[in-house]
C-alpha atoms as a PDB file:
ATOM      1  CA  UNK A   1       9.770  12.522  17.350  1.00  0.00           C
ATOM      2  CA  UNK A   2       8.136  13.901  20.173  1.00  0.00           C
ATOM      3  CA  UNK A   3       9.761  16.730  22.131  1.00  0.00           C
ATOM      4  CA  UNK A   4      12.727  17.491  19.761  1.00  0.00           C
ATOM      5  CA  UNK A   5      13.691  20.546  17.701  1.00  0.00           C
ATOM      6  CA  UNK A   6      13.086  20.299  13.999  1.00  0.00           C
ATOM      7  CA  UNK A   7      16.541  18.795  13.510  1.00  0.00           C
ATOM      8  CA  UNK A   8      16.194  16.206  15.579  1.00  0.00           C
ATOM      9  CA  UNK A   9      12.619  15.187  14.606  1.00  0.00           C
ATOM     10  CA  UNK A  10      13.832  14.885  11.393  1.00  0.00           C
ATOM     11  CA  UNK A  11      16.730  12.800  12.414  1.00  0.00           C
ATOM     12  CA  UNK A  12      14.182  10.696  13.731  1.00  0.00           C
ATOM     13  CA  UNK A  13      12.327  10.283  11.320  1.00  0.00           C
ATOM     14  CA  UNK A  14      14.956   9.217   9.229  1.00  0.00           C
ATOM     15  CA  UNK A  15      16.248   6.537  11.395  1.00  0.00           C
ATOM     16  CA  UNK A  16      12.316   4.897  12.031  1.00  0.00           C
ATOM     17  CA  UNK A  17      12.471   4.784   8.034  1.00  0.00           C
ATOM     18  CA  UNK A  18      15.928   2.852   8.444  1.00  0.00           C
ATOM     19  CA  UNK A  19      14.291   0.330  10.935  1.00  0.00           C
ATOM     20  CA  UNK A  20      11.327   0.026   8.589  1.00  0.00           C
ATOM     21  CA  UNK A  21      13.211  -1.053   5.813  1.00  0.00           C
ATOM     22  CA  UNK A  22      15.740  -3.040   8.082  1.00  0.00           C
ATOM     23  CA  UNK A  23      13.080  -5.069   9.224  1.00  0.00           C
ATOM     24  CA  UNK A  24       9.703  -4.415   8.325  1.00  0.00           C
ATOM     25  CA  UNK A  25       7.440  -5.848  10.799  1.00  0.00           C
ATOM     26  CA  UNK A  26       8.643  -2.955  13.061  1.00  0.00           C
ATOM     27  CA  UNK A  27       5.556  -1.234  11.160  1.00  0.00           C
ATOM     28  CA  UNK A  28       2.301  -2.795  13.290  1.00  0.00           C
ATOM     29  CA  UNK A  29       4.979  -1.038  16.870  1.00  0.00           C
ATOM     30  CA  UNK A  30       5.269   2.275  14.994  1.00  0.00           C
ATOM     31  CA  UNK A  31       1.412   2.379  14.116  1.00  0.00           C
ATOM     32  CA  UNK A  32       1.021   2.092  17.631  1.00  0.00           C
ATOM     33  CA  UNK A  33       3.742   3.827  19.164  1.00  0.00           C
ATOM     34  CA  UNK A  34       4.382   6.749  17.040  1.00  0.00           C
ATOM     35  CA  UNK A  35       2.467   9.746  18.110  1.00  0.00           C
ATOM     36  CA  UNK A  36       0.152  11.201  14.789  1.00  0.00           C
ATOM     37  CA  UNK A  37       0.933  14.482  16.556  1.00  0.00           C
ATOM     38  CA  UNK A  38       4.981  14.249  15.875  1.00  0.00           C
ATOM     39  CA  UNK A  39       4.548  13.299  12.363  1.00  0.00           C
ATOM     40  CA  UNK A  40       1.571  15.689  11.393  1.00  0.00           C
ATOM     41  CA  UNK A  41       4.166  19.113  13.102  1.00  0.00           C
ATOM     42  CA  UNK A  42       7.096  17.496  11.382  1.00  0.00           C
ATOM     43  CA  UNK A  43       5.185  17.755   8.039  1.00  0.00           C
ATOM     44  CA  UNK A  44       3.902  21.272   8.252  1.00  0.00           C
ATOM     45  CA  UNK A  45       7.325  22.539   9.814  1.00  0.00           C
ATOM     46  CA  UNK A  46       8.782  20.815   6.518  1.00  0.00           C
ATOM     47  CA  UNK A  47       6.748  22.371   4.563  1.00  0.00           C
ATOM     48  CA  UNK A  48       6.636  26.068   5.991  1.00  0.00           C
ATOM     49  CA  UNK A  49      10.714  25.851   6.389  1.00  0.00           C
ATOM     50  CA  UNK A  50      10.707  24.494   2.303  1.00  0.00           C
ATOM     51  CA  UNK A  51      12.363  21.419   3.959  1.00  0.00           C
ATOM     52  CA  UNK A  52      12.656  19.500   0.602  1.00  0.00           C
ATOM     53  CA  UNK A  53      13.709  16.317   1.690  1.00  0.00           C
ATOM     54  CA  UNK A  54      10.023  14.973   3.378  1.00  0.00           C
ATOM     55  CA  UNK A  55      10.866  12.770   5.938  1.00  0.00           C
ATOM     56  CA  UNK A  56       7.950  12.677   7.797  1.00  0.00           C
ATOM     57  CA  UNK A  57       5.860  11.832   4.199  1.00  0.00           C
ATOM     58  CA  UNK A  58       7.894   9.071   3.612  1.00  0.00           C
ATOM     59  CA  UNK A  59       7.602   7.709   7.113  1.00  0.00           C
ATOM     60  CA  UNK A  60       3.756   7.939   6.774  1.00  0.00           C
ATOM     61  CA  UNK A  61       3.692   6.621   3.682  1.00  0.00           C
ATOM     62  CA  UNK A  62       5.460   3.411   4.725  1.00  0.00           C
ATOM     63  CA  UNK A  63       3.454   3.136   7.903  1.00  0.00           C
ATOM     64  CA  UNK A  64       0.533   2.686   5.637  1.00  0.00           C
ATOM     65  CA  UNK A  65       1.613  -0.353   4.129  1.00  0.00           C
ATOM     66  CA  UNK A  66       0.883  -2.374   7.914  1.00  0.00           C
ATOM     67  CA  UNK A  67      -0.795  -5.661   6.957  1.00  0.00           C
ATOM     68  CA  UNK A  68      -3.366  -6.164   9.232  1.00  0.00           C
ATOM     69  CA  UNK A  69      -6.462  -3.448   8.086  1.00  0.00           C
ATOM     70  CA  UNK A  70      -7.758  -2.167  11.479  1.00  0.00           C
ATOM     71  CA  UNK A  71      -4.073  -1.201  12.133  1.00  0.00           C
ATOM     72  CA  UNK A  72      -4.625   0.884   9.209  1.00  0.00           C
ATOM     73  CA  UNK A  73      -7.676   2.620  10.119  1.00  0.00           C
ATOM     74  CA  UNK A  74      -6.135   3.044  13.934  1.00  0.00           C
ATOM     75  CA  UNK A  75      -3.425   5.397  11.940  1.00  0.00           C
ATOM     76  CA  UNK A  76      -5.772   7.572  10.001  1.00  0.00           C
ATOM     77  CA  UNK A  77      -8.332   7.989  12.955  1.00  0.00           C
ATOM     78  CA  UNK A  78      -4.982   9.589  14.541  1.00  0.00           C
ATOM     79  CA  UNK A  79      -3.815  11.442  11.315  1.00  0.00           C
ATOM     80  CA  UNK A  80      -7.811  12.903  10.802  1.00  0.00           C
ATOM     81  CA  UNK A  81      -7.996  14.916  14.113  1.00  0.00           C
ATOM     82  CA  UNK A  82      -5.075  17.518  12.166  1.00  0.00           C
ATOM     83  CA  UNK A  83      -2.579  19.254  14.386  1.00  0.00           C
ATOM     84  CA  UNK A  84      -3.619  22.059  16.242  1.00  0.00           C
ATOM     85  CA  UNK A  85      -5.766  24.598  14.231  1.00  0.00           C
ATOM     86  CA  UNK A  86      -4.917  22.431  11.264  1.00  0.00           C
ATOM     87  CA  UNK A  87      -6.872  19.949   9.188  1.00  0.00           C
ATOM     88  CA  UNK A  88      -4.831  16.972   8.352  1.00  0.00           C
ATOM     89  CA  UNK A  89      -6.360  17.079   4.390  1.00  0.00           C
ATOM     90  CA  UNK A  90      -5.424  20.739   4.246  1.00  0.00           C
ATOM     91  CA  UNK A  91      -2.094  20.063   4.758  1.00  0.00           C
ATOM     92  CA  UNK A  92      -1.464  17.210   2.759  1.00  0.00           C
ATOM     93  CA  UNK A  93      -3.493  19.326  -0.304  1.00  0.00           C
ATOM     94  CA  UNK A  94      -0.681  21.909   0.305  1.00  0.00           C
ATOM     95  CA  UNK A  95       2.080  19.608   0.059  1.00  0.00           C
ATOM     96  CA  UNK A  96       0.642  18.517  -2.729  1.00  0.00           C
ATOM     97  CA  UNK A  97       0.410  21.573  -4.560  1.00  0.00           C
ATOM     98  CA  UNK A  98       3.580  22.168  -3.650  1.00  0.00           C
ATOM     99  CA  UNK A  99       5.462  18.531  -4.453  1.00  0.00           C
ATOM    100  CA  UNK A 100       7.613  18.207  -6.358  1.00  0.00           C
ATOM    101  CA  UNK A 101       7.053  15.589  -9.548  1.00  0.00           C
ATOM    102  CA  UNK A 102       8.711  12.926  -8.209  1.00  0.00           C
ATOM    103  CA  UNK A 103       7.088  13.536  -4.583  1.00  0.00           C
ATOM    104  CA  UNK A 104       3.597  13.689  -6.116  1.00  0.00           C
ATOM    105  CA  UNK A 105       2.162   9.998  -6.206  1.00  0.00           C
ATOM    106  CA  UNK A 106       3.768   9.526  -2.611  1.00  0.00           C
ATOM    107  CA  UNK A 107       1.182  12.339  -1.125  1.00  0.00           C
ATOM    108  CA  UNK A 108      -1.466  11.938  -3.715  1.00  0.00           C
ATOM    109  CA  UNK A 109      -1.447   8.448  -2.398  1.00  0.00           C
ATOM    110  CA  UNK A 110      -1.626   9.306   1.264  1.00  0.00           C
ATOM    111  CA  UNK A 111      -3.938  12.159   0.573  1.00  0.00           C
ATOM    112  CA  UNK A 112      -6.306   9.466  -1.019  1.00  0.00           C
ATOM    113  CA  UNK A 113      -6.270   7.335   2.017  1.00  0.00           C
ATOM    114  CA  UNK A 114      -7.498   9.752   4.472  1.00  0.00           C
ATOM    115  CA  UNK A 115     -10.069  10.924   2.563  1.00  0.00           C
ATOM    116  CA  UNK A 116     -11.261   7.801   1.524  1.00  0.00           C
ATOM    117  CA  UNK A 117     -11.163   7.059   5.453  1.00  0.00           C
ATOM    118  CA  UNK A 118     -12.727  10.506   6.323  1.00  0.00           C
ATOM    119  CA  UNK A 119     -15.294  11.060   3.455  1.00  0.00           C
ATOM    120  CA  UNK A 120     -18.092   9.824   1.723  1.00  0.00           C
ATOM    121  CA  UNK A 121     -17.268   7.841  -1.786  1.00  0.00           C
ATOM    122  CA  UNK A 122     -20.761   8.940  -3.879  1.00  0.00           C
ATOM    123  CA  UNK A 123     -19.917  12.675  -2.554  1.00  0.00           C
ATOM    124  CA  UNK A 124     -17.561  15.038  -4.701  1.00  0.00           C
ATOM    125  CA  UNK A 125     -14.843  16.010  -2.550  1.00  0.00           C
ATOM    126  CA  UNK A 126     -11.917  18.440  -3.556  1.00  0.00           C
ATOM    127  CA  UNK A 127      -9.089  16.517  -2.193  1.00  0.00           C
ATOM    128  CA  UNK A 128      -9.856  13.287  -3.924  1.00  0.00           C
ATOM    129  CA  UNK A 129      -9.729  15.329  -7.155  1.00  0.00           C
ATOM    130  CA  UNK A 130      -6.686  16.617  -6.979  1.00  0.00           C
ATOM    131  CA  UNK A 131      -5.288  13.214  -5.439  1.00  0.00           C
ATOM    132  CA  UNK A 132      -6.596  11.382  -8.333  1.00  0.00           C
ATOM    133  CA  UNK A 133      -5.418  14.282 -10.736  1.00  0.00           C
ATOM    134  CA  UNK A 134      -1.920  14.013  -9.531  1.00  0.00           C
ATOM    135  CA  UNK A 135      -2.185  10.002 -10.075  1.00  0.00           C
ATOM    136  CA  UNK A 136      -3.513  10.645 -13.463  1.00  0.00           C
ATOM    137  CA  UNK A 137      -0.475  13.178 -14.315  1.00  0.00           C
ATOM    138  CA  UNK A 138       2.283  11.167 -13.071  1.00  0.00           C
ATOM    139  CA  UNK A 139       0.649   8.451 -15.286  1.00  0.00           C
ATOM    140  CA  UNK A 140       1.236  10.617 -18.769  1.00  0.00           C
ATOM    141  CA  UNK A 141       4.287   8.428 -21.080  1.00  0.00           C
ATOM    142  CA  UNK A 142       5.230  12.032 -22.328  1.00  0.00           C
ATOM    143  CA  UNK A 143       6.357  13.923 -19.195  1.00  0.00           C
ATOM    144  CA  UNK A 144       7.426  11.369 -16.845  1.00  0.00           C
ATOM    145  CA  UNK A 145      10.887   9.657 -16.134  1.00  0.00           C
ATOM    146  CA  UNK A 146      12.362   6.736 -15.022  1.00  0.00           C
ATOM    147  CA  UNK A 147      12.126   7.944 -11.152  1.00  0.00           C
ATOM    148  CA  UNK A 148       8.699   9.314 -11.782  1.00  0.00           C
ATOM    149  CA  UNK A 149       7.485   6.023 -13.116  1.00  0.00           C
ATOM    150  CA  UNK A 150       8.847   4.303 -10.490  1.00  0.00           C
ATOM    151  CA  UNK A 151       7.480   6.103  -7.634  1.00  0.00           C
ATOM    152  CA  UNK A 152       3.917   5.897  -8.717  1.00  0.00           C
ATOM    153  CA  UNK A 153       4.450   2.480  -9.444  1.00  0.00           C
ATOM    154  CA  UNK A 154       4.334   1.746  -5.618  1.00  0.00           C
ATOM    155  CA  UNK A 155       1.923   4.604  -5.290  1.00  0.00           C
ATOM    156  CA  UNK A 156      -0.829   2.365  -7.493  1.00  0.00           C
ATOM    157  CA  UNK A 157       0.732  -1.160  -5.498  1.00  0.00           C
ATOM    158  CA  UNK A 158       0.168   0.840  -2.086  1.00  0.00           C
ATOM    159  CA  UNK A 159      -3.576   1.621  -3.199  1.00  0.00           C
ATOM    160  CA  UNK A 160      -4.094  -2.027  -3.649  1.00  0.00           C
ATOM    161  CA  UNK A 161      -4.133  -2.145   0.460  1.00  0.00           C
ATOM    162  CA  UNK A 162      -2.956  -5.159   0.398  1.00  0.00           C
ATOM    163  CA  UNK A 163       0.543  -6.094   2.539  1.00  0.00           C
ATOM    164  CA  UNK A 164       2.430  -8.914   3.928  1.00  0.00           C
ATOM    165  CA  UNK A 165       3.343  -8.776   8.109  1.00  0.00           C
ATOM    166  CA  UNK A 166       6.778  -6.968   7.026  1.00  0.00           C
ATOM    167  CA  UNK A 167       4.905  -4.776   4.523  1.00  0.00           C
ATOM    168  CA  UNK A 168       5.304  -6.198   1.280  1.00  0.00           C
ATOM    169  CA  UNK A 169       2.682  -5.341  -1.117  1.00  0.00           C
ATOM    170  CA  UNK A 170       0.814  -8.370  -1.787  1.00  0.00           C
ATOM    171  CA  UNK A 171      -2.133  -7.690  -3.703  1.00  0.00           C
ATOM    172  CA  UNK A 172      -0.273  -9.145  -7.370  1.00  0.00           C
ATOM    173  CA  UNK A 173      -0.679 -12.529  -5.189  1.00  0.00           C
ATOM    174  CA  UNK A 174      -3.870 -12.281  -3.850  1.00  0.00           C
ATOM    175  CA  UNK A 175      -5.167 -11.434  -7.432  1.00  0.00           C
ATOM    176  CA  UNK A 176      -3.238 -14.018  -8.970  1.00  0.00           C
ATOM    177  CA  UNK A 177      -4.535 -16.457  -6.284  1.00  0.00           C
ATOM    178  CA  UNK A 178      -7.956 -15.477  -7.410  1.00  0.00           C
ATOM    179  CA  UNK A 179      -7.348 -16.826 -10.990  1.00  0.00           C
ATOM    180  CA  UNK A 180      -6.615 -19.834  -9.913  1.00  0.00           C
ATOM    181  CA  UNK A 181      -9.016 -20.624  -8.085  1.00  0.00           C
ATOM    182  CA  UNK A 182     -12.771 -19.639  -8.047  1.00  0.00           C
ATOM    183  CA  UNK A 183     -14.203 -17.349  -5.197  1.00  0.00           C
ATOM    184  CA  UNK A 184     -16.634 -19.772  -4.302  1.00  0.00           C
ATOM    185  CA  UNK A 185     -13.733 -22.297  -3.315  1.00  0.00           C
ATOM    186  CA  UNK A 186     -12.301 -19.687  -1.335  1.00  0.00           C
ATOM    187  CA  UNK A 187     -12.455 -20.131   2.725  1.00  0.00           C
ATOM    188  CA  UNK A 188     -15.580 -17.344   4.568  1.00  0.00           C
ATOM    189  CA  UNK A 189     -13.528 -14.871   4.355  1.00  0.00           C
ATOM    190  CA  UNK A 190     -12.565 -12.960   8.536  1.00  0.00           C
ATOM    191  CA  UNK A 191     -13.477  -9.860   9.531  1.00  0.00           C
ATOM    192  CA  UNK A 192      -9.624  -7.805   8.309  1.00  0.00           C
ATOM    193  CA  UNK A 193     -10.556  -9.643   4.698  1.00  0.00           C
ATOM    194  CA  UNK A 194     -14.185  -7.863   4.949  1.00  0.00           C
ATOM    195  CA  UNK A 195     -12.683  -4.849   5.600  1.00  0.00           C
ATOM    196  CA  UNK A 196      -9.646  -5.249   3.074  1.00  0.00           C
ATOM    197  CA  UNK A 197     -12.392  -5.839   0.067  1.00  0.00           C
ATOM    198  CA  UNK A 198     -14.804  -2.941   1.248  1.00  0.00           C
ATOM    199  CA  UNK A 199     -11.811  -0.891   1.188  1.00  0.00           C
ATOM    200  CA  UNK A 200     -11.675  -1.785  -2.385  1.00  0.00           C
ATOM    201  CA  UNK A 201     -14.584  -1.547  -3.869  1.00  0.00           C
ATOM    202  CA  UNK A 202     -14.829   1.992  -2.026  1.00  0.00           C
ATOM    203  CA  UNK A 203     -11.626   3.231  -3.812  1.00  0.00           C
ATOM    204  CA  UNK A 204     -12.729   1.602  -6.946  1.00  0.00           C
ATOM    205  CA  UNK A 205     -16.016   3.400  -7.109  1.00  0.00           C
ATOM    206  CA  UNK A 206     -13.841   6.635  -6.520  1.00  0.00           C
ATOM    207  CA  UNK A 207     -10.979   6.009  -8.888  1.00  0.00           C
ATOM    208  CA  UNK A 208     -13.390   5.808 -11.949  1.00  0.00           C
ATOM    209  CA  UNK A 209     -15.836   8.083 -10.872  1.00  0.00           C
ATOM    210  CA  UNK A 210     -13.645  10.949  -9.871  1.00  0.00           C
ATOM    211  CA  UNK A 211     -11.280  10.386 -12.291  1.00  0.00           C
ATOM    212  CA  UNK A 212     -13.948  10.379 -15.289  1.00  0.00           C
ATOM    213  CA  UNK A 213     -12.845   7.231 -17.044  1.00  0.00           C
ATOM    214  CA  UNK A 214      -9.546   9.311 -17.434  1.00  0.00           C
ATOM    215  CA  UNK A 215      -7.753   7.031 -14.693  1.00  0.00           C
ATOM    216  CA  UNK A 216      -8.888   3.689 -16.906  1.00  0.00           C
ATOM    217  CA  UNK A 217      -6.794   5.815 -20.006  1.00  0.00           C
ATOM    218  CA  UNK A 218      -3.570   7.088 -18.302  1.00  0.00           C
ATOM    219  CA  UNK A 219      -4.024   2.991 -16.992  1.00  0.00           C
ATOM    220  CA  UNK A 220      -3.982   1.864 -20.399  1.00  0.00           C
ATOM    221  CA  UNK A 221      -1.553   4.233 -22.165  1.00  0.00           C
ATOM    222  CA  UNK A 222       0.699   3.508 -19.383  1.00  0.00           C
ATOM    223  CA  UNK A 223       0.026  -0.543 -19.630  1.00  0.00           C
ATOM    224  CA  UNK A 224       1.906  -0.397 -22.899  1.00  0.00           C
ATOM    225  CA  UNK A 225       4.385   2.296 -22.566  1.00  0.00           C
ATOM    226  CA  UNK A 226       6.354   2.505 -19.684  1.00  0.00           C
ATOM    227  CA  UNK A 227       8.675   0.877 -18.083  1.00  0.00           C
ATOM    228  CA  UNK A 228       8.300  -2.946 -16.884  1.00  0.00           C
ATOM    229  CA  UNK A 229       7.537  -2.296 -13.058  1.00  0.00           C
ATOM    230  CA  UNK A 230       4.967   0.208 -13.924  1.00  0.00           C
ATOM    231  CA  UNK A 231       3.381  -1.867 -16.137  1.00  0.00           C
ATOM    232  CA  UNK A 232       2.684  -4.406 -14.470  1.00  0.00           C
ATOM    233  CA  UNK A 233       1.466  -2.229 -11.581  1.00  0.00           C
ATOM    234  CA  UNK A 234      -1.201  -0.579 -13.955  1.00  0.00           C
ATOM    235  CA  UNK A 235      -2.031  -4.339 -14.859  1.00  0.00           C
ATOM    236  CA  UNK A 236      -2.274  -5.031 -10.977  1.00  0.00           C
ATOM    237  CA  UNK A 237      -4.596  -2.039 -10.627  1.00  0.00           C
ATOM    238  CA  UNK A 238      -6.708  -2.804 -13.264  1.00  0.00           C
ATOM    239  CA  UNK A 239      -6.849  -6.397 -12.138  1.00  0.00           C
ATOM    240  CA  UNK A 240      -8.484  -5.058  -8.874  1.00  0.00           C
ATOM    241  CA  UNK A 241     -10.377  -2.332  -9.389  1.00  0.00           C
ATOM    242  CA  UNK A 242     -12.054  -4.671 -12.479  1.00  0.00           C
ATOM    243  CA  UNK A 243     -12.780  -7.301  -9.643  1.00  0.00           C
ATOM    244  CA  UNK A 244     -14.079  -4.643  -6.996  1.00  0.00           C
ATOM    245  CA  UNK A 245     -16.855  -2.925  -9.137  1.00  0.00           C
ATOM    246  CA  UNK A 246     -20.338  -4.289  -9.199  1.00  0.00           C
ATOM    247  CA  UNK A 247     -21.975  -1.646 -11.127  1.00  0.00           C
ATOM    248  CA  UNK A 248     -23.050  -3.639 -14.381  1.00  0.00           C
ATOM    249  CA  UNK A 249     -22.623   0.436 -16.665  1.00  0.00           C
ATOM    250  CA  UNK A 250     -19.047   1.294 -14.842  1.00  0.00           C
ATOM    251  CA  UNK A 251     -17.960  -1.806 -15.935  1.00  0.00           C
ATOM    252  CA  UNK A 252     -19.208  -1.568 -19.531  1.00  0.00           C
ATOM    253  CA  UNK A 253     -17.696   1.971 -19.780  1.00  0.00           C
ATOM    254  CA  UNK A 254     -14.607   0.439 -18.104  1.00  0.00           C
ATOM    255  CA  UNK A 255     -14.588  -2.043 -21.232  1.00  0.00           C
ATOM    256  CA  UNK A 256     -14.089   0.416 -23.749  1.00  0.00           C
ATOM    257  CA  UNK A 257     -11.471   1.846 -22.542  1.00  0.00           C
ATOM    258  CA  UNK A 258      -9.401  -0.887 -20.802  1.00  0.00           C
ATOM    259  CA  UNK A 259     -10.731  -4.319 -22.955  1.00  0.00           C
ATOM    260  CA  UNK A 260      -9.019  -3.428 -26.062  1.00  0.00           C
ATOM    261  CA  UNK A 261      -5.669  -3.083 -23.792  1.00  0.00           C
ATOM    262  CA  UNK A 262      -6.137  -6.616 -22.264  1.00  0.00           C
ATOM    263  CA  UNK A 263      -6.766  -8.624 -25.432  1.00  0.00           C
ATOM    264  CA  UNK A 264      -3.701  -6.846 -26.478  1.00  0.00           C
ATOM    265  CA  UNK A 265      -1.720  -8.493 -23.031  1.00  0.00           C
ATOM    266  CA  UNK A 266      -3.163 -11.430 -23.630  1.00  0.00           C
ATOM    267  CA  UNK A 267      -1.888 -11.904 -27.384  1.00  0.00           C
ATOM    268  CA  UNK A 268       1.498 -10.312 -26.514  1.00  0.00           C
ATOM    269  CA  UNK A 269       4.050 -12.950 -26.890  1.00  0.00           C
ATOM    270  CA  UNK A 270       6.577 -10.417 -25.084  1.00  0.00           C
ATOM    271  CA  UNK A 271       4.540 -11.276 -21.619  1.00  0.00           C
ATOM    272  CA  UNK A 272       4.680 -14.015 -19.216  1.00  0.00           C
ATOM    273  CA  UNK A 273       2.334 -16.063 -18.121  1.00  0.00           C
ATOM    274  CA  UNK A 274       1.369 -14.150 -14.380  1.00  0.00           C
ATOM    275  CA  UNK A 275       1.223 -10.990 -16.613  1.00  0.00           C
ATOM    276  CA  UNK A 276      -1.538 -13.411 -18.868  1.00  0.00           C
ATOM    277  CA  UNK A 277      -3.281 -14.314 -16.433  1.00  0.00           C
ATOM    278  CA  UNK A 278      -3.860 -11.124 -14.557  1.00  0.00           C
ATOM    279  CA  UNK A 279      -4.816  -9.938 -17.777  1.00  0.00           C
ATOM    280  CA  UNK A 280      -7.342 -12.802 -18.480  1.00  0.00           C
ATOM    281  CA  UNK A 281      -8.763 -12.433 -14.800  1.00  0.00           C
ATOM    282  CA  UNK A 282      -9.567  -8.347 -15.081  1.00  0.00           C
ATOM    283  CA  UNK A 283     -11.354  -8.978 -18.744  1.00  0.00           C
ATOM    284  CA  UNK A 284     -13.248 -11.576 -17.020  1.00  0.00           C
ATOM    285  CA  UNK A 285     -14.507  -9.209 -14.520  1.00  0.00           C
ATOM    286  CA  UNK A 286     -15.285  -6.416 -16.298  1.00  0.00           C
ATOM    287  CA  UNK A 287     -17.347  -8.396 -19.137  1.00  0.00           C
ATOM    288  CA  UNK A 288     -18.948 -11.139 -17.138  1.00  0.00           C
ATOM    289  CA  UNK A 289     -22.247 -10.261 -16.737  1.00  0.00           C
ATOM    290  CA  UNK A 290     -22.336  -7.353 -19.705  1.00  0.00           C
ATOM    291  CA  UNK A 291     -22.967  -7.981 -23.266  1.00  0.00           C
ATOM    292  CA  UNK A 292     -19.827  -6.254 -24.240  1.00  0.00           C
ATOM    293  CA  UNK A 293     -18.969  -9.345 -26.805  1.00  0.00           C
ATOM    294  CA  UNK A 294     -22.419  -8.856 -28.421  1.00  0.00           C
ATOM    295  CA  UNK A 295     -21.067  -5.166 -29.467  1.00  0.00           C
ATOM    296  CA  UNK A 296     -18.339  -6.452 -31.023  1.00  0.00           C
ATOM    297  CA  UNK A 297     -17.936  -6.748 -34.657  1.00  0.00           C
ATOM    298  CA  UNK A 298     -15.424  -9.931 -34.279  1.00  0.00           C
ATOM    299  CA  UNK A 299     -12.920 -11.717 -31.869  1.00  0.00           C
ATOM    300  CA  UNK A 300      -9.947 -12.266 -34.111  1.00  0.00           C
ATOM    301  CA  UNK A 301      -9.060 -16.063 -34.076  1.00  0.00           C
ATOM    302  CA  UNK A 302      -5.386 -15.449 -32.500  1.00  0.00           C
ATOM    303  CA  UNK A 303      -6.864 -13.984 -29.309  1.00  0.00           C
ATOM    304  CA  UNK A 304      -9.484 -17.410 -28.582  1.00  0.00           C
ATOM    305  CA  UNK A 305      -6.542 -19.237 -29.042  1.00  0.00           C
ATOM    306  CA  UNK A 306      -4.350 -17.642 -26.718  1.00  0.00           C
ATOM    307  CA  UNK A 307      -7.192 -17.809 -24.434  1.00  0.00           C
ATOM    308  CA  UNK A 308      -7.211 -21.793 -25.319  1.00  0.00           C
ATOM    309  CA  UNK A 309      -3.564 -22.195 -24.000  1.00  0.00           C
ATOM    310  CA  UNK A 310      -4.307 -19.749 -21.314  1.00  0.00           C
ATOM    311  CA  UNK A 311      -7.201 -22.171 -19.989  1.00  0.00           C
ATOM    312  CA  UNK A 312      -4.960 -24.704 -18.233  1.00  0.00           C
ATOM    313  CA  UNK A 313      -3.752 -22.266 -15.938  1.00  0.00           C
ATOM    314  CA  UNK A 314      -6.871 -20.047 -14.968  1.00  0.00           C
ATOM    315  CA  UNK A 315     -10.708 -20.866 -14.974  1.00  0.00           C
ATOM    316  CA  UNK A 316     -11.049 -17.099 -16.189  1.00  0.00           C
ATOM    317  CA  UNK A 317      -9.846 -17.926 -19.380  1.00  0.00           C
ATOM    318  CA  UNK A 318     -12.450 -20.800 -19.787  1.00  0.00           C
ATOM    319  CA  UNK A 319     -15.100 -18.729 -18.959  1.00  0.00           C
ATOM    320  CA  UNK A 320     -14.036 -16.051 -21.235  1.00  0.00           C
ATOM    321  CA  UNK A 321     -13.991 -18.481 -23.969  1.00  0.00           C
ATOM    322  CA  UNK A 322     -17.597 -19.482 -22.945  1.00  0.00           C
ATOM    323  CA  UNK A 323     -18.807 -15.968 -22.727  1.00  0.00           C
ATOM    324  CA  UNK A 324     -17.553 -15.428 -25.914  1.00  0.00           C
ATOM    325  CA  UNK A 325     -18.998 -18.460 -27.708  1.00  0.00           C
ATOM    326  CA  UNK A 326     -22.518 -17.609 -26.512  1.00  0.00           C
ATOM    327  CA  UNK A 327     -22.086 -14.319 -27.722  1.00  0.00           C
ATOM    328  CA  UNK A 328     -21.180 -15.472 -31.284  1.00  0.00           C
ATOM    329  CA  UNK A 329     -24.476 -17.699 -31.528  1.00  0.00           C
ATOM    330  CA  UNK A 330     -26.293 -14.575 -31.176  1.00  0.00           C
ATOM    331  CA  UNK A 331     -23.972 -12.171 -33.587  1.00  0.00           C
ATOM    332  CA  UNK A 332     -23.779 -13.778 -37.029  1.00  0.00           C
ATOM    333  CA  UNK A 333     -20.197 -13.030 -38.568  1.00  0.00           C
ATOM    334  CA  UNK A 334     -18.559 -12.461 -34.781  1.00  0.00           C
ATOM    335  CA  UNK A 335     -15.291 -14.861 -35.175  1.00  0.00           C
ATOM    336  CA  UNK A 336     -13.183 -13.592 -37.795  1.00  0.00           C
ATOM    337  CA  UNK A 337     -11.530 -16.017 -40.728  1.00  0.00           C
END
């Protein structure tokens, strides 16, 4: 990786990816020891010489799945420096524009991660705009095939920013634990957890403002129309974004797009218990502290019945019932016959 020519670098990157697949915990060693220049130089050479395998990008993608947030920051800090006279964000943006459709979600995630690390979430950035646009495009159910759906599903889970020691995505497990136990009952956060929460708040804000709510619409459509793995990834993404939004106006705007779909998920008998819990958690996160239910003409009784059954499994369903009843008392005809 350090001193080889391009074929040697390519083979080395491929072998390192195989090492990660064999033992995901070796990510920690690689993040510490692989030189960023080696990865970036191969990334540039692959681009300039028209090599389609993308070994450098795939290796970088895998390294982002390191469990410790400070290790991820260490990786991004090294990438930020660029290679020779080239800016890493520019390298990735060029790669995004020339990538194959099934590769674009992968490039978009790496570009977005680095842009969020380098930039200010409140400022505009062409890099994050193009990255979010690529994710939205990949979610378009009219144009994507199953390979693209599988790639964008993993890309969404990686954006959640939570991984096991061996690199498995853990954002779903984290959300289900949140839905099972009230946050006030969870022990105080360590420094790494605080960094993860800060990342999620920043990412949620950027994903909504950069996409101008188009991302939410794309997630909602894919939740209903895509393959099971992508539908679940969309539900998980909606979950952590909803939980991370502090701005009431943003949550209310998101409600108009996402809440009806989440209510459909709750009454759909084809969805399993975990999916219903995730939908309830997201709906509670979005509507709590807003007047969303007061603005609705009615809420179907079968929806309330589903929440009643689900209340045995998650406190969010109980809270939603209470929220709806409170709204009902101030809005005649709120419940349907």
